[in-house]
Amino acid sequence: MWLPVIVHADALGDLLNALYRHIINPIVAFVFALATVYFIIGIVQFLANSGNEQKQTEGKQHMLWGLIGMFVMISVFGIMQLIVNTLGA
């Protein structure tokens, strides 16, 4: 006989909140830090190679992807915050 599983809203909210605080939030912070370092490497590469057009283009690409990574991580943080607050955790 199949019995449906009923999850209490508080239990789901507590579980999601714990998952968010202990797993997702540190991962988002770590990846955001990596994107920031990648962006800074791009700035240094762009400024250090003022005579080499190819290296400057590479630096621009690193800066662009670093900014994209930071934007994505801020978006993930915001979406997760919205989900956790919606469930009342």
PDB file of N, CA and C in Angstrom:
ATOM      1  N   MET A   1       0.834  -1.173   0.000  1.00  0.00           N
ATOM      2  CA  MET A   1       0.000   0.000   0.000  1.00  0.00           C
ATOM      3  C   MET A   1       0.882   1.240   0.000  1.00  0.00           C
ATOM      4  N   TRP A   2       0.561   2.195  -0.860  1.00  0.00           N
ATOM      5  CA  TRP A   2       1.335   3.406  -0.996  1.00  0.00           C
ATOM      6  C   TRP A   2       0.739   4.489  -0.111  1.00  0.00           C
ATOM      7  N   LEU A   3       1.577   5.111   0.693  1.00  0.00           N
ATOM      8  CA  LEU A   3       1.135   6.210   1.549  1.00  0.00           C
ATOM      9  C   LEU A   3       1.846   7.481   1.110  1.00  0.00           C
ATOM     10  N   PRO A   4       1.100   8.546   0.910  1.00  0.00           N
ATOM     11  CA  PRO A   4       1.760   9.786   0.488  1.00  0.00           C
ATOM     12  C   PRO A   4       2.615  10.357   1.623  1.00  0.00           C
ATOM     13  N   VAL A   5       3.714  10.928   1.251  1.00  0.00           N
ATOM     14  CA  VAL A   5       4.605  11.551   2.229  1.00  0.00           C
ATOM     15  C   VAL A   5       4.178  13.006   2.370  1.00  0.00           C
ATOM     16  N   ILE A   6       3.881  13.386   3.591  1.00  0.00           N
ATOM     17  CA  ILE A   6       3.467  14.753   3.873  1.00  0.00           C
ATOM     18  C   ILE A   6       4.599  15.430   4.639  1.00  0.00           C
ATOM     19  N   VAL A   7       5.085  16.518   4.087  1.00  0.00           N
ATOM     20  CA  VAL A   7       6.170  17.250   4.723  1.00  0.00           C
ATOM     21  C   VAL A   7       5.578  18.512   5.328  1.00  0.00           C
ATOM     22  N   HIS A   8       5.836  18.707   6.584  1.00  0.00           N
ATOM     23  CA  HIS A   8       5.360  19.903   7.270  1.00  0.00           C
ATOM     24  C   HIS A   8       6.130  21.102   6.738  1.00  0.00           C
ATOM     25  N   ALA A   9       5.443  22.219   6.567  1.00  0.00           N
ATOM     26  CA  ALA A   9       6.066  23.406   5.982  1.00  0.00           C
ATOM     27  C   ALA A   9       7.243  23.900   6.818  1.00  0.00           C
ATOM     28  N   ASP A  10       7.131  23.842   8.133  1.00  0.00           N
ATOM     29  CA  ASP A  10       8.242  24.287   8.982  1.00  0.00           C
ATOM     30  C   ASP A  10       9.447  23.380   8.808  1.00  0.00           C
ATOM     31  N   ALA A  11       9.218  22.092   8.681  1.00  0.00           N
ATOM     32  CA  ALA A  11      10.320  21.160   8.509  1.00  0.00           C
ATOM     33  C   ALA A  11      11.036  21.411   7.181  1.00  0.00           C
ATOM     34  N   LEU A  12      10.269  21.658   6.128  1.00  0.00           N
ATOM     35  CA  LEU A  12      10.865  21.949   4.834  1.00  0.00           C
ATOM     36  C   LEU A  12      11.628  23.263   4.880  1.00  0.00           C
ATOM     37  N   GLY A  13      11.057  24.260   5.510  1.00  0.00           N
ATOM     38  CA  GLY A  13      11.725  25.551   5.643  1.00  0.00           C
ATOM     39  C   GLY A  13      13.011  25.441   6.442  1.00  0.00           C
ATOM     40  N   ASP A  14      12.970  24.681   7.542  1.00  0.00           N
ATOM     41  CA  ASP A  14      14.174  24.492   8.354  1.00  0.00           C
ATOM     42  C   ASP A  14      15.249  23.744   7.580  1.00  0.00           C
ATOM     43  N   LEU A  15      14.837  22.729   6.841  1.00  0.00           N
ATOM     44  CA  LEU A  15      15.791  21.958   6.039  1.00  0.00           C
ATOM     45  C   LEU A  15      16.422  22.836   4.972  1.00  0.00           C
ATOM     46  N   LEU A  16      15.615  23.610   4.271  1.00  0.00           N
ATOM     47  CA  LEU A  16      16.125  24.483   3.227  1.00  0.00           C
ATOM     48  C   LEU A  16      17.029  25.555   3.804  1.00  0.00           C
ATOM     49  N   ASN A  17      16.649  26.091   4.950  1.00  0.00           N
ATOM     50  CA  ASN A  17      17.473  27.113   5.587  1.00  0.00           C
ATOM     51  C   ASN A  17      18.829  26.551   5.994  1.00  0.00           C
ATOM     52  N   ALA A  18      18.843  25.345   6.566  1.00  0.00           N
ATOM     53  CA  ALA A  18      20.106  24.721   6.956  1.00  0.00           C
ATOM     54  C   ALA A  18      20.960  24.414   5.724  1.00  0.00           C
ATOM     55  N   LEU A  19      20.334  23.902   4.679  1.00  0.00           N
ATOM     56  CA  LEU A  19      21.036  23.620   3.438  1.00  0.00           C
ATOM     57  C   LEU A  19      21.631  24.897   2.863  1.00  0.00           C
ATOM     58  N   TYR A  20      20.870  25.955   2.893  1.00  0.00           N
ATOM     59  CA  TYR A  20      21.315  27.248   2.362  1.00  0.00           C
ATOM     60  C   TYR A  20      22.491  27.789   3.173  1.00  0.00           C
ATOM     61  N   ARG A  21      22.360  27.786   4.497  1.00  0.00           N
ATOM     62  CA  ARG A  21      23.400  28.372   5.349  1.00  0.00           C
ATOM     63  C   ARG A  21      24.696  27.581   5.348  1.00  0.00           C
ATOM     64  N   HIS A  22      24.606  26.251   5.319  1.00  0.00           N
ATOM     65  CA  HIS A  22      25.794  25.432   5.514  1.00  0.00           C
ATOM     66  C   HIS A  22      26.424  24.902   4.231  1.00  0.00           C
ATOM     67  N   ILE A  23      25.679  24.878   3.133  1.00  0.00           N
ATOM     68  CA  ILE A  23      26.229  24.323   1.899  1.00  0.00           C
ATOM     69  C   ILE A  23      26.219  25.351   0.768  1.00  0.00           C
ATOM     70  N   ILE A  24      25.070  25.884   0.444  1.00  0.00           N
ATOM     71  CA  ILE A  24      24.948  26.737  -0.735  1.00  0.00           C
ATOM     72  C   ILE A  24      25.641  28.082  -0.537  1.00  0.00           C
ATOM     73  N   ASN A  25      25.412  28.732   0.583  1.00  0.00           N
ATOM     74  CA  ASN A  25      25.996  30.047   0.819  1.00  0.00           C
ATOM     75  C   ASN A  25      27.526  30.010   0.782  1.00  0.00           C
ATOM     76  N   PRO A  26      28.190  29.045   1.442  1.00  0.00           N
ATOM     77  CA  PRO A  26      29.654  29.009   1.329  1.00  0.00           C
ATOM     78  C   PRO A  26      30.153  28.729  -0.093  1.00  0.00           C
ATOM     79  N   ILE A  27      29.436  27.902  -0.840  1.00  0.00           N
ATOM     80  CA  ILE A  27      29.840  27.628  -2.219  1.00  0.00           C
ATOM     81  C   ILE A  27      29.705  28.882  -3.074  1.00  0.00           C
ATOM     82  N   VAL A  28      28.598  29.610  -2.906  1.00  0.00           N
ATOM     83  CA  VAL A  28      28.395  30.846  -3.662  1.00  0.00           C
ATOM     84  C   VAL A  28      29.477  31.861  -3.311  1.00  0.00           C
ATOM     85  N   ALA A  29      29.798  31.994  -2.035  1.00  0.00           N
ATOM     86  CA  ALA A  29      30.840  32.931  -1.614  1.00  0.00           C
ATOM     87  C   ALA A  29      32.200  32.541  -2.200  1.00  0.00           C
ATOM     88  N   PHE A  30      32.512  31.244  -2.208  1.00  0.00           N
ATOM     89  CA  PHE A  30      33.782  30.776  -2.751  1.00  0.00           C
ATOM     90  C   PHE A  30      33.875  31.046  -4.254  1.00  0.00           C
ATOM     91  N   VAL A  31      32.822  30.742  -4.996  1.00  0.00           N
ATOM     92  CA  VAL A  31      32.844  30.959  -6.446  1.00  0.00           C
ATOM     93  C   VAL A  31      32.869  32.457  -6.753  1.00  0.00           C
ATOM     94  N   PHE A  32      32.198  33.271  -5.937  1.00  0.00           N
ATOM     95  CA  PHE A  32      32.260  34.724  -6.111  1.00  0.00           C
ATOM     96  C   PHE A  32      33.693  35.214  -5.904  1.00  0.00           C
ATOM     97  N   ALA A  33      34.373  34.680  -4.893  1.00  0.00           N
ATOM     98  CA  ALA A  33      35.770  35.054  -4.651  1.00  0.00           C
ATOM     99  C   ALA A  33      36.655  34.640  -5.827  1.00  0.00           C
ATOM    100  N   LEU A  34      36.422  33.451  -6.382  1.00  0.00           N
ATOM    101  CA  LEU A  34      37.189  33.019  -7.554  1.00  0.00           C
ATOM    102  C   LEU A  34      36.965  33.952  -8.748  1.00  0.00           C
ATOM    103  N   ALA A  35      35.718  34.358  -8.967  1.00  0.00           N
ATOM    104  CA  ALA A  35      35.408  35.268 -10.071  1.00  0.00           C
ATOM    105  C   ALA A  35      36.077  36.625  -9.858  1.00  0.00           C
ATOM    106  N   THR A  36      36.129  37.076  -8.614  1.00  0.00           N
ATOM    107  CA  THR A  36      36.783  38.345  -8.305  1.00  0.00           C
ATOM    108  C   THR A  36      38.282  38.256  -8.577  1.00  0.00           C
ATOM    109  N   VAL A  37      38.898  37.161  -8.171  1.00  0.00           N
ATOM    110  CA  VAL A  37      40.332  36.960  -8.432  1.00  0.00           C
ATOM    111  C   VAL A  37      40.584  36.894  -9.937  1.00  0.00           C
ATOM    112  N   TYR A  38      39.722  36.212 -10.670  1.00  0.00           N
ATOM    113  CA  TYR A  38      39.856  36.114 -12.124  1.00  0.00           C
ATOM    114  C   TYR A  38      39.756  37.501 -12.759  1.00  0.00           C
ATOM    115  N   PHE A  39      38.849  38.323 -12.260  1.00  0.00           N
ATOM    116  CA  PHE A  39      38.695  39.697 -12.749  1.00  0.00           C
ATOM    117  C   PHE A  39      39.958  40.500 -12.471  1.00  0.00           C
ATOM    118  N   ILE A  40      40.506  40.388 -11.265  1.00  0.00           N
ATOM    119  CA  ILE A  40      41.714  41.127 -10.896  1.00  0.00           C
ATOM    120  C   ILE A  40      42.909  40.666 -11.735  1.00  0.00           C
ATOM    121  N   ILE A  41      43.006  39.366 -11.994  1.00  0.00           N
ATOM    122  CA  ILE A  41      44.069  38.855 -12.869  1.00  0.00           C
ATOM    123  C   ILE A  41      43.946  39.481 -14.258  1.00  0.00           C
ATOM    124  N   GLY A  42      42.731  39.629 -14.734  1.00  0.00           N
ATOM    125  CA  GLY A  42      42.509  40.273 -16.031  1.00  0.00           C
ATOM    126  C   GLY A  42      42.959  41.719 -16.037  1.00  0.00           C
ATOM    127  N   ILE A  43      42.682  42.441 -14.952  1.00  0.00           N
ATOM    128  CA  ILE A  43      43.116  43.839 -14.850  1.00  0.00           C
ATOM    129  C   ILE A  43      44.639  43.919 -14.875  1.00  0.00           C
ATOM    130  N   VAL A  44      45.286  43.074 -14.071  1.00  0.00           N
ATOM    131  CA  VAL A  44      46.748  43.071 -14.022  1.00  0.00           C
ATOM    132  C   VAL A  44      47.326  42.705 -15.381  1.00  0.00           C
ATOM    133  N   GLN A  45      46.764  41.705 -16.018  1.00  0.00           N
ATOM    134  CA  GLN A  45      47.245  41.286 -17.331  1.00  0.00           C
ATOM    135  C   GLN A  45      47.055  42.401 -18.361  1.00  0.00           C
ATOM    136  N   PHE A  46      45.951  43.105 -18.296  1.00  0.00           N
ATOM    137  CA  PHE A  46      45.682  44.192 -19.230  1.00  0.00           C
ATOM    138  C   PHE A  46      46.670  45.342 -19.027  1.00  0.00           C
ATOM    139  N   LEU A  47      46.908  45.712 -17.768  1.00  0.00           N
ATOM    140  CA  LEU A  47      47.789  46.838 -17.485  1.00  0.00           C
ATOM    141  C   LEU A  47      49.266  46.503 -17.672  1.00  0.00           C
ATOM    142  N   ALA A  48      49.662  45.275 -17.382  1.00  0.00           N
ATOM    143  CA  ALA A  48      51.074  44.893 -17.469  1.00  0.00           C
ATOM    144  C   ALA A  48      51.546  44.727 -18.906  1.00  0.00           C
ATOM    145  N   ASN A  49      50.640  44.487 -19.816  1.00  0.00           N
ATOM    146  CA  ASN A  49      51.016  44.236 -21.206  1.00  0.00           C
ATOM    147  C   ASN A  49      50.520  45.340 -22.115  1.00  0.00           C
ATOM    148  N   SER A  50      50.933  46.569 -21.834  1.00  0.00           N
ATOM    149  CA  SER A  50      50.439  47.700 -22.613  1.00  0.00           C
ATOM    150  C   SER A  50      50.941  47.677 -24.056  1.00  0.00           C
ATOM    151  N   GLY A  51      52.050  46.993 -24.310  1.00  0.00           N
ATOM    152  CA  GLY A  51      52.575  46.949 -25.669  1.00  0.00           C
ATOM    153  C   GLY A  51      52.119  45.750 -26.472  1.00  0.00           C
ATOM    154  N   ASN A  52      51.532  44.763 -25.831  1.00  0.00           N
ATOM    155  CA  ASN A  52      51.142  43.524 -26.512  1.00  0.00           C
ATOM    156  C   ASN A  52      49.612  43.474 -26.635  1.00  0.00           C
ATOM    157  N   GLU A  53      49.141  43.674 -27.848  1.00  0.00           N
ATOM    158  CA  GLU A  53      47.696  43.736 -28.093  1.00  0.00           C
ATOM    159  C   GLU A  53      46.997  42.406 -27.787  1.00  0.00           C
ATOM    160  N   GLN A  54      47.659  41.282 -28.085  1.00  0.00           N
ATOM    161  CA  GLN A  54      47.062  39.972 -27.846  1.00  0.00           C
ATOM    162  C   GLN A  54      46.875  39.727 -26.349  1.00  0.00           C
ATOM    163  N   LYS A  55      47.873  40.083 -25.551  1.00  0.00           N
ATOM    164  CA  LYS A  55      47.768  39.903 -24.098  1.00  0.00           C
ATOM    165  C   LYS A  55      46.731  40.854 -23.502  1.00  0.00           C
ATOM    166  N   GLN A  56      46.605  42.046 -24.055  1.00  0.00           N
ATOM    167  CA  GLN A  56      45.577  42.971 -23.586  1.00  0.00           C
ATOM    168  C   GLN A  56      44.188  42.426 -23.890  1.00  0.00           C
ATOM    169  N   THR A  57      44.005  41.839 -25.052  1.00  0.00           N
ATOM    170  CA  THR A  57      42.717  41.229 -25.401  1.00  0.00           C
ATOM    171  C   THR A  57      42.404  40.077 -24.457  1.00  0.00           C
ATOM    172  N   GLU A  58      43.420  39.291 -24.119  1.00  0.00           N
ATOM    173  CA  GLU A  58      43.233  38.208 -23.150  1.00  0.00           C
ATOM    174  C   GLU A  58      42.809  38.767 -21.793  1.00  0.00           C
ATOM    175  N   GLY A  59      43.454  39.859 -21.379  1.00  0.00           N
ATOM    176  CA  GLY A  59      43.096  40.498 -20.113  1.00  0.00           C
ATOM    177  C   GLY A  59      41.659  41.005 -20.128  1.00  0.00           C
ATOM    178  N   LYS A  60      41.238  41.571 -21.250  1.00  0.00           N
ATOM    179  CA  LYS A  60      39.851  42.029 -21.378  1.00  0.00           C
ATOM    180  C   LYS A  60      38.871  40.869 -21.241  1.00  0.00           C
ATOM    181  N   GLN A  61      39.217  39.732 -21.854  1.00  0.00           N
ATOM    182  CA  GLN A  61      38.354  38.552 -21.757  1.00  0.00           C
ATOM    183  C   GLN A  61      38.262  38.056 -20.314  1.00  0.00           C
ATOM    184  N   HIS A  62      39.386  38.068 -19.603  1.00  0.00           N
ATOM    185  CA  HIS A  62      39.372  37.651 -18.202  1.00  0.00           C
ATOM    186  C   HIS A  62      38.505  38.587 -17.363  1.00  0.00           C
ATOM    187  N   MET A  63      38.615  39.891 -17.630  1.00  0.00           N
ATOM    188  CA  MET A  63      37.784  40.845 -16.890  1.00  0.00           C
ATOM    189  C   MET A  63      36.305  40.618 -17.183  1.00  0.00           C
ATOM    190  N   LEU A  64      35.975  40.398 -18.444  1.00  0.00           N
ATOM    191  CA  LEU A  64      34.579  40.174 -18.828  1.00  0.00           C
ATOM    192  C   LEU A  64      34.024  38.933 -18.147  1.00  0.00           C
ATOM    193  N   TRP A  65      34.749  37.811 -18.207  1.00  0.00           N
ATOM    194  CA  TRP A  65      34.259  36.571 -17.605  1.00  0.00           C
ATOM    195  C   TRP A  65      34.229  36.671 -16.085  1.00  0.00           C
ATOM    196  N   GLY A  66      35.148  37.432 -15.500  1.00  0.00           N
ATOM    197  CA  GLY A  66      35.101  37.651 -14.062  1.00  0.00           C
ATOM    198  C   GLY A  66      33.844  38.416 -13.658  1.00  0.00           C
ATOM    199  N   LEU A  67      33.510  39.453 -14.439  1.00  0.00           N
ATOM    200  CA  LEU A  67      32.284  40.215 -14.164  1.00  0.00           C
ATOM    201  C   LEU A  67      31.037  39.350 -14.342  1.00  0.00           C
ATOM    202  N   ILE A  68      31.022  38.544 -15.383  1.00  0.00           N
ATOM    203  CA  ILE A  68      29.880  37.652 -15.608  1.00  0.00           C
ATOM    204  C   ILE A  68      29.739  36.677 -14.450  1.00  0.00           C
ATOM    205  N   GLY A  69      30.856  36.116 -13.992  1.00  0.00           N
ATOM    206  CA  GLY A  69      30.829  35.193 -12.856  1.00  0.00           C
ATOM    207  C   GLY A  69      30.312  35.856 -11.591  1.00  0.00           C
ATOM    208  N   MET A  70      30.754  37.088 -11.330  1.00  0.00           N
ATOM    209  CA  MET A  70      30.273  37.803 -10.147  1.00  0.00           C
ATOM    210  C   MET A  70      28.775  38.087 -10.252  1.00  0.00           C
ATOM    211  N   PHE A  71      28.316  38.483 -11.435  1.00  0.00           N
ATOM    212  CA  PHE A  71      26.892  38.754 -11.631  1.00  0.00           C
ATOM    213  C   PHE A  71      26.057  37.497 -11.407  1.00  0.00           C
ATOM    214  N   VAL A  72      26.520  36.375 -11.931  1.00  0.00           N
ATOM    215  CA  VAL A  72      25.788  35.121 -11.768  1.00  0.00           C
ATOM    216  C   VAL A  72      25.716  34.729 -10.290  1.00  0.00           C
ATOM    217  N   MET A  73      26.810  34.884  -9.568  1.00  0.00           N
ATOM    218  CA  MET A  73      26.821  34.505  -8.153  1.00  0.00           C
ATOM    219  C   MET A  73      25.936  35.422  -7.317  1.00  0.00           C
ATOM    220  N   ILE A  74      25.904  36.708  -7.638  1.00  0.00           N
ATOM    221  CA  ILE A  74      24.993  37.620  -6.944  1.00  0.00           C
ATOM    222  C   ILE A  74      23.547  37.241  -7.242  1.00  0.00           C
ATOM    223  N   SER A  75      23.274  36.846  -8.488  1.00  0.00           N
ATOM    224  CA  SER A  75      21.926  36.425  -8.862  1.00  0.00           C
ATOM    225  C   SER A  75      21.520  35.150  -8.126  1.00  0.00           C
ATOM    226  N   VAL A  76      22.428  34.193  -8.047  1.00  0.00           N
ATOM    227  CA  VAL A  76      22.144  32.947  -7.326  1.00  0.00           C
ATOM    228  C   VAL A  76      21.873  33.246  -5.858  1.00  0.00           C
ATOM    229  N   PHE A  77      22.681  34.121  -5.266  1.00  0.00           N
ATOM    230  CA  PHE A  77      22.482  34.500  -3.870  1.00  0.00           C
ATOM    231  C   PHE A  77      21.097  35.127  -3.677  1.00  0.00           C
ATOM    232  N   GLY A  78      20.722  36.027  -4.570  1.00  0.00           N
ATOM    233  CA  GLY A  78      19.420  36.679  -4.462  1.00  0.00           C
ATOM    234  C   GLY A  78      18.259  35.719  -4.635  1.00  0.00           C
ATOM    235  N   ILE A  79      18.369  34.822  -5.596  1.00  0.00           N
ATOM    236  CA  ILE A  79      17.303  33.845  -5.821  1.00  0.00           C
ATOM    237  C   ILE A  79      17.162  32.912  -4.627  1.00  0.00           C
ATOM    238  N   MET A  80      18.276  32.454  -4.091  1.00  0.00           N
ATOM    239  CA  MET A  80      18.219  31.578  -2.917  1.00  0.00           C
ATOM    240  C   MET A  80      17.645  32.316  -1.703  1.00  0.00           C
ATOM    241  N   GLN A  81      18.009  33.566  -1.537  1.00  0.00           N
ATOM    242  CA  GLN A  81      17.461  34.362  -0.436  1.00  0.00           C
ATOM    243  C   GLN A  81      15.945  34.502  -0.596  1.00  0.00           C
ATOM    244  N   LEU A  82      15.488  34.718  -1.813  1.00  0.00           N
ATOM    245  CA  LEU A  82      14.056  34.818  -2.084  1.00  0.00           C
ATOM    246  C   LEU A  82      13.340  33.510  -1.757  1.00  0.00           C
ATOM    247  N   ILE A  83      13.907  32.393  -2.165  1.00  0.00           N
ATOM    248  CA  ILE A  83      13.292  31.084  -1.895  1.00  0.00           C
ATOM    249  C   ILE A  83      13.229  30.813  -0.402  1.00  0.00           C
ATOM    250  N   VAL A  84      14.331  31.056   0.303  1.00  0.00           N
ATOM    251  CA  VAL A  84      14.362  30.789   1.746  1.00  0.00           C
ATOM    252  C   VAL A  84      13.371  31.710   2.469  1.00  0.00           C
ATOM    253  N   ASN A  85      13.314  32.970   2.095  1.00  0.00           N
ATOM    254  CA  ASN A  85      12.376  33.887   2.761  1.00  0.00           C
ATOM    255  C   ASN A  85      10.927  33.568   2.415  1.00  0.00           C
ATOM    256  N   THR A  86      10.672  33.089   1.220  1.00  0.00           N
ATOM    257  CA  THR A  86       9.311  32.735   0.819  1.00  0.00           C
ATOM    258  C   THR A  86       8.784  31.556   1.627  1.00  0.00           C
ATOM    259  N   LEU A  87       9.660  30.596   1.896  1.00  0.00           N
ATOM    260  CA  LEU A  87       9.233  29.434   2.662  1.00  0.00           C
ATOM    261  C   LEU A  87       9.190  29.694   4.163  1.00  0.00           C
ATOM    262  N   GLY A  88       9.537  30.903   4.558  1.00  0.00           N
ATOM    263  CA  GLY A  88       9.395  31.289   5.954  1.00  0.00           C
ATOM    264  C   GLY A  88      10.455  30.746   6.894  1.00  0.00           C
ATOM    265  N   ALA A  89      11.603  30.435   6.361  1.00  0.00           N
ATOM    266  CA  ALA A  89      12.672  29.901   7.212  1.00  0.00           C
ATOM    267  C   ALA A  89      13.458  31.020   7.836  1.00  0.00           C
TER     268      ALA A  89
END
